[in-house]
Amino acid sequence: MIELIVTVCALAHPSQCEDQHLQYGLQGSLRQCAMNAPPYLAQWSNAHPKWSIVRWHCEVPHVREKADARGPARQA
């Protein structure tokens, strides 16, 4: 499963921004997610007219959390 992370800001308060974690039903690669996301984003935007999408990306859920738990990468 791939997750679509969408950063949105309130139209009435542009400094009020938050990340929305949307489950994207695509069983493919991150590149496929990026290529197929725009219609899904448009649908979300139409359903949430008080919010503006300012950026988005695809990621595999919990990969970042696992990396953070391991700590900083060691350098040689």
PDB file of N, CA and C in Angstrom:
ATOM      1  N   MET A   1       0.847  -1.176   0.000  1.00  0.00           N
ATOM      2  CA  MET A   1       0.000   0.000   0.000  1.00  0.00           C
ATOM      3  C   MET A   1       0.892   1.240   0.000  1.00  0.00           C
ATOM      4  N   ILE A   2       0.495   2.227  -0.750  1.00  0.00           N
ATOM      5  CA  ILE A   2       1.228   3.486  -0.823  1.00  0.00           C
ATOM      6  C   ILE A   2       0.359   4.573  -0.228  1.00  0.00           C
ATOM      7  N   GLU A   3       1.004   5.498   0.457  1.00  0.00           N
ATOM      8  CA  GLU A   3       0.294   6.601   1.093  1.00  0.00           C
ATOM      9  C   GLU A   3       0.605   7.890   0.346  1.00  0.00           C
ATOM     10  N   LEU A   4      -0.414   8.698   0.180  1.00  0.00           N
ATOM     11  CA  LEU A   4      -0.279   9.988  -0.464  1.00  0.00           C
ATOM     12  C   LEU A   4      -0.281  11.034   0.651  1.00  0.00           C
ATOM     13  N   ILE A   5       0.822  11.749   0.805  1.00  0.00           N
ATOM     14  CA  ILE A   5       0.948  12.776   1.842  1.00  0.00           C
ATOM     15  C   ILE A   5       0.682  14.113   1.154  1.00  0.00           C
ATOM     16  N   VAL A   6      -0.363  14.791   1.597  1.00  0.00           N
ATOM     17  CA  VAL A   6      -0.795  16.040   0.976  1.00  0.00           C
ATOM     18  C   VAL A   6      -0.707  17.141   2.030  1.00  0.00           C
ATOM     19  N   THR A   7       0.069  18.170   1.747  1.00  0.00           N
ATOM     20  CA  THR A   7       0.120  19.332   2.632  1.00  0.00           C
ATOM     21  C   THR A   7      -0.913  20.324   2.135  1.00  0.00           C
ATOM     22  N   VAL A   8      -1.834  20.685   3.019  1.00  0.00           N
ATOM     23  CA  VAL A   8      -2.928  21.589   2.661  1.00  0.00           C
ATOM     24  C   VAL A   8      -2.928  22.780   3.617  1.00  0.00           C
ATOM     25  N   CYS A   9      -3.379  23.918   3.105  1.00  0.00           N
ATOM     26  CA  CYS A   9      -3.485  25.129   3.913  1.00  0.00           C
ATOM     27  C   CYS A   9      -4.907  25.654   3.801  1.00  0.00           C
ATOM     28  N   ALA A  10      -5.406  26.198   4.907  1.00  0.00           N
ATOM     29  CA  ALA A  10      -6.757  26.759   4.931  1.00  0.00           C
ATOM     30  C   ALA A  10      -6.782  28.028   4.082  1.00  0.00           C
ATOM     31  N   LEU A  11      -7.783  28.156   3.228  1.00  0.00           N
ATOM     32  CA  LEU A  11      -7.890  29.349   2.396  1.00  0.00           C
ATOM     33  C   LEU A  11      -8.091  30.602   3.240  1.00  0.00           C
ATOM     34  N   ALA A  12      -8.866  30.487   4.311  1.00  0.00           N
ATOM     35  CA  ALA A  12      -9.140  31.633   5.173  1.00  0.00           C
ATOM     36  C   ALA A  12      -7.928  32.014   6.033  1.00  0.00           C
ATOM     37  N   HIS A  13      -7.044  31.068   6.302  1.00  0.00           N
ATOM     38  CA  HIS A  13      -5.855  31.294   7.130  1.00  0.00           C
ATOM     39  C   HIS A  13      -4.679  30.581   6.477  1.00  0.00           C
ATOM     40  N   PRO A  14      -4.049  31.195   5.460  1.00  0.00           N
ATOM     41  CA  PRO A  14      -2.998  30.507   4.692  1.00  0.00           C
ATOM     42  C   PRO A  14      -1.820  29.993   5.513  1.00  0.00           C
ATOM     43  N   SER A  15      -1.620  30.546   6.704  1.00  0.00           N
ATOM     44  CA  SER A  15      -0.514  30.046   7.531  1.00  0.00           C
ATOM     45  C   SER A  15      -0.910  28.797   8.316  1.00  0.00           C
ATOM     46  N   GLN A  16      -2.183  28.434   8.285  1.00  0.00           N
ATOM     47  CA  GLN A  16      -2.666  27.222   8.960  1.00  0.00           C
ATOM     48  C   GLN A  16      -2.591  26.062   7.975  1.00  0.00           C
ATOM     49  N   CYS A  17      -1.535  25.289   8.085  1.00  0.00           N
ATOM     50  CA  CYS A  17      -1.312  24.174   7.164  1.00  0.00           C
ATOM     51  C   CYS A  17      -1.183  22.874   7.952  1.00  0.00           C
ATOM     52  N   GLU A  18      -1.497  21.790   7.292  1.00  0.00           N
ATOM     53  CA  GLU A  18      -1.380  20.469   7.922  1.00  0.00           C
ATOM     54  C   GLU A  18      -1.184  19.421   6.853  1.00  0.00           C
ATOM     55  N   ASP A  19      -0.645  18.300   7.261  1.00  0.00           N
ATOM     56  CA  ASP A  19      -0.473  17.159   6.358  1.00  0.00           C
ATOM     57  C   ASP A  19      -1.667  16.232   6.482  1.00  0.00           C
ATOM     58  N   GLN A  20      -2.165  15.818   5.349  1.00  0.00           N
ATOM     59  CA  GLN A  20      -3.217  14.809   5.283  1.00  0.00           C
ATOM     60  C   GLN A  20      -2.567  13.536   4.744  1.00  0.00           C
ATOM     61  N   HIS A  21      -2.778  12.435   5.425  1.00  0.00           N
ATOM     62  CA  HIS A  21      -2.244  11.145   4.992  1.00  0.00           C
ATOM     63  C   HIS A  21      -3.401  10.365   4.372  1.00  0.00           C
ATOM     64  N   LEU A  22      -3.365  10.249   3.053  1.00  0.00           N
ATOM     65  CA  LEU A  22      -4.443   9.592   2.327  1.00  0.00           C
ATOM     66  C   LEU A  22      -3.981   8.216   1.867  1.00  0.00           C
ATOM     67  N   GLN A  23      -4.766   7.222   2.165  1.00  0.00           N
ATOM     68  CA  GLN A  23      -4.450   5.869   1.692  1.00  0.00           C
ATOM     69  C   GLN A  23      -4.753   5.814   0.204  1.00  0.00           C
ATOM     70  N   TYR A  24      -3.749   5.530  -0.546  1.00  0.00           N
ATOM     71  CA  TYR A  24      -3.865   5.491  -1.992  1.00  0.00           C
ATOM     72  C   TYR A  24      -3.943   4.024  -2.385  1.00  0.00           C
ATOM     73  N   GLY A  25      -5.007   3.621  -3.022  1.00  0.00           N
ATOM     74  CA  GLY A  25      -5.268   2.219  -3.292  1.00  0.00           C
ATOM     75  C   GLY A  25      -4.389   1.578  -4.347  1.00  0.00           C
ATOM     76  N   LEU A  26      -3.339   2.229  -4.746  1.00  0.00           N
ATOM     77  CA  LEU A  26      -2.464   1.706  -5.788  1.00  0.00           C
ATOM     78  C   LEU A  26      -1.476   0.705  -5.208  1.00  0.00           C
ATOM     79  N   GLN A  27      -1.375  -0.434  -5.816  1.00  0.00           N
ATOM     80  CA  GLN A  27      -0.385  -1.438  -5.438  1.00  0.00           C
ATOM     81  C   GLN A  27       0.732  -1.392  -6.469  1.00  0.00           C
ATOM     82  N   GLY A  28       1.481  -0.319  -6.479  1.00  0.00           N
ATOM     83  CA  GLY A  28       2.544  -0.162  -7.469  1.00  0.00           C
ATOM     84  C   GLY A  28       3.725   0.561  -6.862  1.00  0.00           C
ATOM     85  N   SER A  29       4.481   1.214  -7.716  1.00  0.00           N
ATOM     86  CA  SER A  29       5.677   1.915  -7.276  1.00  0.00           C
ATOM     87  C   SER A  29       5.343   3.355  -6.889  1.00  0.00           C
ATOM     88  N   LEU A  30       6.303   3.999  -6.261  1.00  0.00           N
ATOM     89  CA  LEU A  30       6.138   5.408  -5.915  1.00  0.00           C
ATOM     90  C   LEU A  30       6.009   6.259  -7.174  1.00  0.00           C
ATOM     91  N   ARG A  31       6.713   5.884  -8.220  1.00  0.00           N
ATOM     92  CA  ARG A  31       6.623   6.616  -9.487  1.00  0.00           C
ATOM     93  C   ARG A  31       5.212   6.495 -10.071  1.00  0.00           C
ATOM     94  N   GLN A  32       4.628   5.302 -10.012  1.00  0.00           N
ATOM     95  CA  GLN A  32       3.261   5.120 -10.501  1.00  0.00           C
ATOM     96  C   GLN A  32       2.286   5.951  -9.673  1.00  0.00           C
ATOM     97  N   CYS A  33       2.516   6.014  -8.375  1.00  0.00           N
ATOM     98  CA  CYS A  33       1.681   6.835  -7.504  1.00  0.00           C
ATOM     99  C   CYS A  33       1.751   8.288  -7.952  1.00  0.00           C
ATOM    100  N   ALA A  34       2.958   8.791  -8.156  1.00  0.00           N
ATOM    101  CA  ALA A  34       3.133  10.186  -8.558  1.00  0.00           C
ATOM    102  C   ALA A  34       2.449  10.477  -9.892  1.00  0.00           C
ATOM    103  N   MET A  35       2.495   9.532 -10.802  1.00  0.00           N
ATOM    104  CA  MET A  35       1.891   9.742 -12.122  1.00  0.00           C
ATOM    105  C   MET A  35       0.361   9.666 -12.069  1.00  0.00           C
ATOM    106  N   ASN A  36      -0.173   8.856 -11.161  1.00  0.00           N
ATOM    107  CA  ASN A  36      -1.618   8.655 -11.096  1.00  0.00           C
ATOM    108  C   ASN A  36      -2.324   9.521 -10.053  1.00  0.00           C
ATOM    109  N   ALA A  37      -1.580  10.255  -9.246  1.00  0.00           N
ATOM    110  CA  ALA A  37      -2.171  11.019  -8.144  1.00  0.00           C
ATOM    111  C   ALA A  37      -2.976  12.251  -8.563  1.00  0.00           C
ATOM    112  N   PRO A  38      -2.618  13.003  -9.610  1.00  0.00           N
ATOM    113  CA  PRO A  38      -3.333  14.261  -9.892  1.00  0.00           C
ATOM    114  C   PRO A  38      -4.857  14.168  -9.963  1.00  0.00           C
ATOM    115  N   PRO A  39      -5.460  13.177 -10.614  1.00  0.00           N
ATOM    116  CA  PRO A  39      -6.929  13.120 -10.594  1.00  0.00           C
ATOM    117  C   PRO A  39      -7.482  12.874  -9.182  1.00  0.00           C
ATOM    118  N   TYR A  40      -6.782  12.074  -8.388  1.00  0.00           N
ATOM    119  CA  TYR A  40      -7.192  11.801  -7.017  1.00  0.00           C
ATOM    120  C   TYR A  40      -7.101  13.085  -6.188  1.00  0.00           C
ATOM    121  N   LEU A  41      -6.032  13.854  -6.400  1.00  0.00           N
ATOM    122  CA  LEU A  41      -5.858  15.128  -5.702  1.00  0.00           C
ATOM    123  C   LEU A  41      -6.950  16.125  -6.098  1.00  0.00           C
ATOM    124  N   ALA A  42      -7.304  16.150  -7.363  1.00  0.00           N
ATOM    125  CA  ALA A  42      -8.377  17.038  -7.822  1.00  0.00           C
ATOM    126  C   ALA A  42      -9.702  16.665  -7.167  1.00  0.00           C
ATOM    127  N   GLN A  43      -9.959  15.383  -7.046  1.00  0.00           N
ATOM    128  CA  GLN A  43     -11.183  14.913  -6.392  1.00  0.00           C
ATOM    129  C   GLN A  43     -11.191  15.338  -4.923  1.00  0.00           C
ATOM    130  N   TRP A  44     -10.062  15.170  -4.233  1.00  0.00           N
ATOM    131  CA  TRP A  44      -9.969  15.559  -2.828  1.00  0.00           C
ATOM    132  C   TRP A  44     -10.177  17.069  -2.697  1.00  0.00           C
ATOM    133  N   SER A  45      -9.555  17.827  -3.584  1.00  0.00           N
ATOM    134  CA  SER A  45      -9.664  19.283  -3.552  1.00  0.00           C
ATOM    135  C   SER A  45     -11.105  19.738  -3.759  1.00  0.00           C
ATOM    136  N   ASN A  46     -11.806  19.113  -4.675  1.00  0.00           N
ATOM    137  CA  ASN A  46     -13.215  19.453  -4.912  1.00  0.00           C
ATOM    138  C   ASN A  46     -14.086  19.128  -3.699  1.00  0.00           C
ATOM    139  N   ALA A  47     -13.743  18.086  -2.972  1.00  0.00           N
ATOM    140  CA  ALA A  47     -14.510  17.692  -1.793  1.00  0.00           C
ATOM    141  C   ALA A  47     -14.160  18.528  -0.562  1.00  0.00           C
ATOM    142  N   HIS A  48     -13.060  19.284  -0.611  1.00  0.00           N
ATOM    143  CA  HIS A  48     -12.592  20.092   0.528  1.00  0.00           C
ATOM    144  C   HIS A  48     -12.299  21.516   0.041  1.00  0.00           C
ATOM    145  N   PRO A  49     -13.332  22.280  -0.327  1.00  0.00           N
ATOM    146  CA  PRO A  49     -13.118  23.596  -0.952  1.00  0.00           C
ATOM    147  C   PRO A  49     -12.507  24.659  -0.042  1.00  0.00           C
ATOM    148  N   LYS A  50     -12.453  24.439   1.254  1.00  0.00           N
ATOM    149  CA  LYS A  50     -11.867  25.429   2.159  1.00  0.00           C
ATOM    150  C   LYS A  50     -10.361  25.244   2.337  1.00  0.00           C
ATOM    151  N   TRP A  51      -9.807  24.250   1.641  1.00  0.00           N
ATOM    152  CA  TRP A  51      -8.391  23.937   1.747  1.00  0.00           C
ATOM    153  C   TRP A  51      -7.718  24.030   0.386  1.00  0.00           C
ATOM    154  N   SER A  52      -6.454  24.387   0.393  1.00  0.00           N
ATOM    155  CA  SER A  52      -5.659  24.461  -0.830  1.00  0.00           C
ATOM    156  C   SER A  52      -4.476  23.507  -0.708  1.00  0.00           C
ATOM    157  N   ILE A  53      -4.256  22.710  -1.722  1.00  0.00           N
ATOM    158  CA  ILE A  53      -3.114  21.787  -1.733  1.00  0.00           C
ATOM    159  C   ILE A  53      -1.875  22.590  -2.121  1.00  0.00           C
ATOM    160  N   VAL A  54      -0.853  22.553  -1.265  1.00  0.00           N
ATOM    161  CA  VAL A  54       0.372  23.296  -1.550  1.00  0.00           C
ATOM    162  C   VAL A  54       1.520  22.387  -1.981  1.00  0.00           C
ATOM    163  N   ARG A  55       1.478  21.128  -1.578  1.00  0.00           N
ATOM    164  CA  ARG A  55       2.461  20.148  -2.065  1.00  0.00           C
ATOM    165  C   ARG A  55       1.976  18.748  -1.705  1.00  0.00           C
ATOM    166  N   TRP A  56       2.578  17.769  -2.352  1.00  0.00           N
ATOM    167  CA  TRP A  56       2.201  16.385  -2.091  1.00  0.00           C
ATOM    168  C   TRP A  56       3.338  15.476  -2.534  1.00  0.00           C
ATOM    169  N   HIS A  57       3.344  14.290  -1.962  1.00  0.00           N
ATOM    170  CA  HIS A  57       4.290  13.262  -2.388  1.00  0.00           C
ATOM    171  C   HIS A  57       3.752  11.894  -1.972  1.00  0.00           C
ATOM    172  N   CYS A  58       4.324  10.875  -2.545  1.00  0.00           N
ATOM    173  CA  CYS A  58       3.935   9.498  -2.246  1.00  0.00           C
ATOM    174  C   CYS A  58       5.032   8.861  -1.400  1.00  0.00           C
ATOM    175  N   GLU A  59       4.625   8.008  -0.477  1.00  0.00           N
ATOM    176  CA  GLU A  59       5.616   7.238   0.279  1.00  0.00           C
ATOM    177  C   GLU A  59       4.990   5.951   0.775  1.00  0.00           C
ATOM    178  N   VAL A  60       5.856   5.023   1.098  1.00  0.00           N
ATOM    179  CA  VAL A  60       5.418   3.764   1.687  1.00  0.00           C
ATOM    180  C   VAL A  60       5.182   4.045   3.169  1.00  0.00           C
ATOM    181  N   PRO A  61       4.004   3.731   3.706  1.00  0.00           N
ATOM    182  CA  PRO A  61       3.717   4.036   5.108  1.00  0.00           C
ATOM    183  C   PRO A  61       4.752   3.449   6.060  1.00  0.00           C
ATOM    184  N   HIS A  62       5.096   4.232   7.055  1.00  0.00           N
ATOM    185  CA  HIS A  62       5.959   3.848   8.164  1.00  0.00           C
ATOM    186  C   HIS A  62       7.436   3.703   7.803  1.00  0.00           C
ATOM    187  N   VAL A  63       7.833   3.899   6.555  1.00  0.00           N
ATOM    188  CA  VAL A  63       9.249   3.784   6.204  1.00  0.00           C
ATOM    189  C   VAL A  63      10.038   4.895   6.895  1.00  0.00           C
ATOM    190  N   ARG A  64       9.518   6.118   6.878  1.00  0.00           N
ATOM    191  CA  ARG A  64      10.207   7.238   7.518  1.00  0.00           C
ATOM    192  C   ARG A  64      10.297   7.015   9.024  1.00  0.00           C
ATOM    193  N   GLU A  65       9.218   6.500   9.634  1.00  0.00           N
ATOM    194  CA  GLU A  65       9.224   6.249  11.073  1.00  0.00           C
ATOM    195  C   GLU A  65      10.297   5.228  11.441  1.00  0.00           C
ATOM    196  N   LYS A  66      10.438   4.186  10.633  1.00  0.00           N
ATOM    197  CA  LYS A  66      11.452   3.167  10.899  1.00  0.00           C
ATOM    198  C   LYS A  66      12.848   3.766  10.782  1.00  0.00           C
ATOM    199  N   ALA A  67      13.060   4.636   9.782  1.00  0.00           N
ATOM    200  CA  ALA A  67      14.365   5.272   9.603  1.00  0.00           C
ATOM    201  C   ALA A  67      14.665   6.194  10.778  1.00  0.00           C
ATOM    202  N   ASP A  68      13.680   6.945  11.236  1.00  0.00           N
ATOM    203  CA  ASP A  68      13.871   7.840  12.378  1.00  0.00           C
ATOM    204  C   ASP A  68      14.201   7.052  13.643  1.00  0.00           C
ATOM    205  N   ALA A  69      13.604   5.882  13.809  1.00  0.00           N
ATOM    206  CA  ALA A  69      13.821   5.064  14.995  1.00  0.00           C
ATOM    207  C   ALA A  69      15.263   4.522  15.038  1.00  0.00           C
ATOM    208  N   ARG A  70      15.846   4.310  13.864  1.00  0.00           N
ATOM    209  CA  ARG A  70      17.229   3.821  13.810  1.00  0.00           C
ATOM    210  C   ARG A  70      18.224   4.901  14.169  1.00  0.00           C
ATOM    211  N   GLY A  71      17.823   6.157  14.071  1.00  0.00           N
ATOM    212  CA  GLY A  71      18.725   7.267  14.389  1.00  0.00           C
ATOM    213  C   GLY A  71      19.461   7.741  13.159  1.00  0.00           C
ATOM    214  N   PRO A  72      20.348   8.705  13.337  1.00  0.00           N
ATOM    215  CA  PRO A  72      21.078   9.263  12.195  1.00  0.00           C
ATOM    216  C   PRO A  72      22.015   8.236  11.565  1.00  0.00           C
ATOM    217  N   ALA A  73      22.194   8.370  10.276  1.00  0.00           N
ATOM    218  CA  ALA A  73      23.085   7.468   9.546  1.00  0.00           C
ATOM    219  C   ALA A  73      24.528   7.743   9.972  1.00  0.00           C
ATOM    220  N   ARG A  74      25.299   6.701  10.117  1.00  0.00           N
ATOM    221  CA  ARG A  74      26.699   6.866  10.464  1.00  0.00           C
ATOM    222  C   ARG A  74      27.519   7.139   9.228  1.00  0.00           C
ATOM    223  N   GLN A  75      28.500   8.005   9.380  1.00  0.00           N
ATOM    224  CA  GLN A  75      29.368   8.317   8.266  1.00  0.00           C
ATOM    225  C   GLN A  75      30.750   7.741   8.521  1.00  0.00           C
ATOM    226  N   ALA A  76      31.380   7.297   7.458  1.00  0.00           N
ATOM    227  CA  ALA A  76      32.701   6.688   7.590  1.00  0.00           C
ATOM    228  C   ALA A  76      33.782   7.716   7.701  1.00  0.00           C
TER     229      ALA A  76
END
